[in-house]
């Protein structure tokens, strides 16, 4: 799994959805959904690509005031809408920055659901070219039956191919998965023979 991906479950998943839903409701109420969505896409890219951002977000030694000051500077530099900046500051104040990317994905999921759109999380063994992304987007559009927003990450442990999470569906076309499947198939006859000899 890529180092920049965070898996949340149980109570933390509920917390993540609560933050995302609150931001969605405020953005919808203030008619700023497009502005906030654009900010979050830029923020997700920063959280994914910037080791410095992740180091600050995950540093337990920084005081809350330092975290808030740091993210407010980021929001100001990036030209974020005030609502996005306040959300980021609240997340920092409550020491929830390590869960920022799951919050952003939960926001996108709610936005997509309301708009009849879909979000696909794509993990590939190597970087995808622009043309590959276009072809994949077209295939996912046909599969989902609606507009698909893609987020793309790399994970060299897949060895080749890619894994796509589209809503509740998981499409694993990685070499790693194919090898594991082949290994299971090779072991199956051996197990059958062993059971017969017992």
Protein backbone atom coordinates (compact mmCIF):
# COMPACT_ATOMS: atom_id res chain seq x y z
CA UNK A 1 0.00 0.00 0.00
CA UNK A 2 1.32 3.49 -0.80
CA UNK A 3 2.66 5.31 2.21
CA UNK A 4 0.34 8.26 1.63
CA UNK A 5 -2.87 6.27 1.94
CA UNK A 6 -4.61 5.98 5.28
CA UNK A 7 -7.10 3.25 6.06
CA UNK A 8 -9.78 4.20 8.58
CA UNK A 9 -12.36 1.91 10.11
CA UNK A 10 -14.74 1.65 13.03
CA UNK A 11 -15.17 4.75 15.18
CA UNK A 12 -12.54 6.70 13.21
CA UNK A 13 -14.45 6.08 9.97
CA UNK A 14 -17.51 7.62 11.62
CA UNK A 15 -15.46 10.66 12.68
CA UNK A 16 -14.09 11.05 9.14
CA UNK A 17 -17.58 10.94 7.61
CA UNK A 18 -18.87 13.45 10.18
CA UNK A 19 -16.19 16.01 9.26
CA UNK A 20 -16.77 15.45 5.54
CA UNK A 21 -20.55 15.73 5.87
CA UNK A 22 -20.33 18.93 7.93
CA UNK A 23 -18.10 20.54 5.28
CA UNK A 24 -20.42 19.38 2.49
CA UNK A 25 -23.48 20.82 4.26
CA UNK A 26 -21.77 24.20 4.83
CA UNK A 27 -20.45 24.37 1.27
CA UNK A 28 -23.88 23.54 -0.15
CA UNK A 29 -25.58 26.06 2.16
CA UNK A 30 -23.16 28.81 1.11
CA UNK A 31 -23.33 27.73 -2.56
CA UNK A 32 -19.57 27.17 -2.58
CA UNK A 33 -19.44 23.48 -3.50
CA UNK A 34 -17.40 24.04 -6.67
CA UNK A 35 -14.88 26.30 -4.92
CA UNK A 36 -14.45 23.94 -1.95
CA UNK A 37 -14.21 20.90 -4.24
CA UNK A 38 -11.42 22.56 -6.20
CA UNK A 39 -9.59 23.43 -2.99
CA UNK A 40 -9.88 19.86 -1.70
CA UNK A 41 -8.53 18.41 -4.94
CA UNK A 42 -5.49 20.68 -4.64
CA UNK A 43 -5.17 19.82 -0.96
CA UNK A 44 -5.36 16.08 -1.62
CA UNK A 45 -2.60 16.37 -4.20
CA UNK A 46 -0.48 18.27 -1.69
CA UNK A 47 -1.10 15.67 1.03
CA UNK A 48 -0.24 12.90 -1.42
CA UNK A 49 2.88 14.40 -2.98
CA UNK A 50 4.44 16.56 -0.24
CA UNK A 51 6.57 14.69 2.29
CA UNK A 52 6.95 17.99 4.17
CA UNK A 53 3.19 18.35 4.56
CA UNK A 54 2.86 14.79 5.85
CA UNK A 55 5.75 15.33 8.27
CA UNK A 56 3.98 18.36 9.77
CA UNK A 57 0.58 16.63 9.82
CA UNK A 58 1.94 13.59 11.66
CA UNK A 59 4.30 15.35 14.09
CA UNK A 60 2.90 14.84 17.63
CA UNK A 61 5.39 17.34 19.09
CA UNK A 62 3.90 20.36 17.34
CA UNK A 63 1.47 22.37 19.45
CA UNK A 64 -2.08 22.91 18.19
CA UNK A 65 -1.38 26.60 17.60
CA UNK A 66 1.64 25.71 15.45
CA UNK A 67 -0.41 23.27 13.37
CA UNK A 68 -3.21 25.80 12.87
CA UNK A 69 -0.74 28.52 11.90
CA UNK A 70 0.99 26.20 9.42
CA UNK A 71 -2.21 25.14 7.63
CA UNK A 72 -3.59 28.68 7.54
CA UNK A 73 -0.41 29.78 5.74
CA UNK A 74 -0.87 26.92 3.28
CA UNK A 75 -4.51 27.89 2.67
CA UNK A 76 -3.57 31.55 2.19
CA UNK A 77 -0.69 30.74 -0.17
CA UNK A 78 -2.92 28.41 -2.22
CA UNK A 79 -5.73 30.97 -2.40
CA UNK A 80 -8.30 28.66 -0.81
CA UNK A 81 -11.85 29.79 -0.15
CA UNK A 82 -12.37 30.91 3.47
CA UNK A 83 -14.57 27.88 4.14
CA UNK A 84 -11.81 25.50 3.03
CA UNK A 85 -9.24 27.36 5.11
CA UNK A 86 -11.46 27.27 8.21
CA UNK A 87 -12.10 23.56 7.72
CA UNK A 88 -8.37 22.86 7.44
CA UNK A 89 -7.70 24.92 10.57
CA UNK A 90 -10.39 23.03 12.50
CA UNK A 91 -8.91 19.69 11.44
CA UNK A 92 -5.49 20.90 12.61
CA UNK A 93 -6.87 22.27 15.89
CA UNK A 94 -8.45 18.89 16.66
CA UNK A 95 -5.27 17.02 15.66
CA UNK A 96 -7.05 15.19 12.85
CA UNK A 97 -4.59 16.05 10.06
CA UNK A 98 -3.48 12.38 9.67
CA UNK A 99 -7.10 11.65 8.65
CA UNK A 100 -7.29 14.55 6.18
CA UNK A 101 -7.12 12.46 3.00
CA UNK A 102 -9.87 10.05 4.12
CA UNK A 103 -11.99 13.12 4.97
CA UNK A 104 -11.42 14.52 1.50
CA UNK A 105 -12.33 11.19 -0.11
CA UNK A 106 -15.49 11.01 2.02
CA UNK A 107 -16.42 14.54 0.90
CA UNK A 108 -15.93 13.58 -2.75
CA UNK A 109 -18.02 10.43 -2.25
CA UNK A 110 -20.92 12.43 -0.80
CA UNK A 111 -20.63 15.06 -3.53
CA UNK A 112 -20.61 12.38 -6.22
CA UNK A 113 -23.60 10.60 -4.71
CA UNK A 114 -25.63 13.82 -4.62
CA UNK A 115 -24.69 14.65 -8.22
CA UNK A 116 -25.11 11.14 -9.58
CA UNK A 117 -21.38 10.94 -10.20
CA UNK A 118 -18.73 8.45 -9.07
CA UNK A 119 -15.27 8.55 -7.54
CA UNK A 120 -12.66 5.97 -8.50
CA UNK A 121 -9.47 5.39 -6.49
CA UNK A 122 -6.86 4.00 -8.87
CA UNK A 123 -3.60 2.48 -7.63
CA UNK A 124 -1.09 1.53 -10.32
CA UNK A 125 2.31 -0.14 -10.17
CA UNK A 126 3.82 2.63 -12.32
CA UNK A 127 2.81 6.18 -13.21
CA UNK A 128 0.02 6.40 -15.80
CA UNK A 129 0.48 8.60 -18.86
CA UNK A 130 -2.13 11.20 -19.77
CA UNK A 131 -3.46 9.00 -22.60
CA UNK A 132 -3.68 5.98 -20.27
CA UNK A 133 -5.65 8.05 -17.77
CA UNK A 134 -8.01 9.19 -20.51
CA UNK A 135 -8.65 5.62 -21.70
CA UNK A 136 -9.16 4.41 -18.15
CA UNK A 137 -11.56 7.28 -17.40
CA UNK A 138 -13.59 6.39 -20.49
CA UNK A 139 -13.75 2.72 -19.48
CA UNK A 140 -14.80 3.59 -15.93
CA UNK A 141 -17.42 6.02 -17.26
CA UNK A 142 -18.92 3.21 -19.34
CA UNK A 143 -18.78 0.81 -16.39
CA UNK A 144 -20.32 3.20 -13.87
CA UNK A 145 -22.85 4.76 -16.21
CA UNK A 146 -21.94 8.28 -15.13
CA UNK A 147 -19.15 10.81 -14.75
CA UNK A 148 -16.15 9.42 -12.87
CA UNK A 149 -13.60 11.45 -10.89
CA UNK A 150 -10.30 9.59 -10.57
CA UNK A 151 -7.61 9.83 -7.94
CA UNK A 152 -4.40 8.06 -8.90
CA UNK A 153 -1.63 6.74 -6.64
CA UNK A 154 1.39 4.49 -7.20
CA UNK A 155 2.28 1.27 -5.39
CA UNK A 156 5.30 -0.61 -6.75
CA UNK A 157 4.41 -3.69 -4.68
CA UNK A 158 1.63 -4.42 -7.19
CA UNK A 159 4.45 -5.43 -9.61
CA UNK A 160 2.32 -4.46 -12.61
CA UNK A 161 -1.25 -3.59 -13.60
CA UNK A 162 -3.59 -1.66 -11.33
CA UNK A 163 -6.29 -1.79 -8.68
CA UNK A 164 -9.46 0.29 -8.98
CA UNK A 165 -11.94 1.01 -6.21
CA UNK A 166 -15.17 2.31 -7.75
CA UNK A 167 -17.79 2.86 -5.08
CA UNK A 168 -18.22 -0.49 -3.33
CA UNK A 169 -16.61 -2.37 -6.22
CA UNK A 170 -12.97 -3.43 -6.19
CA UNK A 171 -11.32 -4.32 -9.50
CA UNK A 172 -7.94 -5.93 -8.93
CA UNK A 173 -6.02 -6.31 -12.19
CA UNK A 174 -2.59 -6.26 -10.59
CA UNK A 175 0.19 -8.73 -11.36
CA UNK A 176 0.50 -9.31 -7.61
CA UNK A 177 -3.10 -10.50 -7.42
CA UNK A 178 -2.75 -12.67 -10.53
CA UNK A 179 0.33 -14.35 -9.07
CA UNK A 180 -1.47 -14.96 -5.77
CA UNK A 181 -4.41 -16.48 -7.66
CA UNK A 182 -2.06 -18.70 -9.67
CA UNK A 183 -0.31 -19.79 -6.48
CA UNK A 184 -3.65 -20.79 -4.94
CA UNK A 185 -4.54 -22.78 -8.06
CA UNK A 186 -1.20 -24.58 -8.01
CA UNK A 187 -1.61 -25.48 -4.35
CA UNK A 188 -5.18 -26.76 -4.70
CA UNK A 189 -4.39 -30.09 -6.49
CA UNK A 190 -1.58 -30.79 -4.01
CA UNK A 191 -3.96 -30.33 -1.09
CA UNK A 192 -6.51 -32.61 -2.73
CA UNK A 193 -3.91 -35.35 -3.17
CA UNK A 194 -2.74 -34.98 0.41
CA UNK A 195 -6.28 -35.29 1.73
CA UNK A 196 -6.81 -38.41 -0.39
CA UNK A 197 -3.63 -40.00 1.00
CA UNK A 198 -4.56 -39.27 4.65
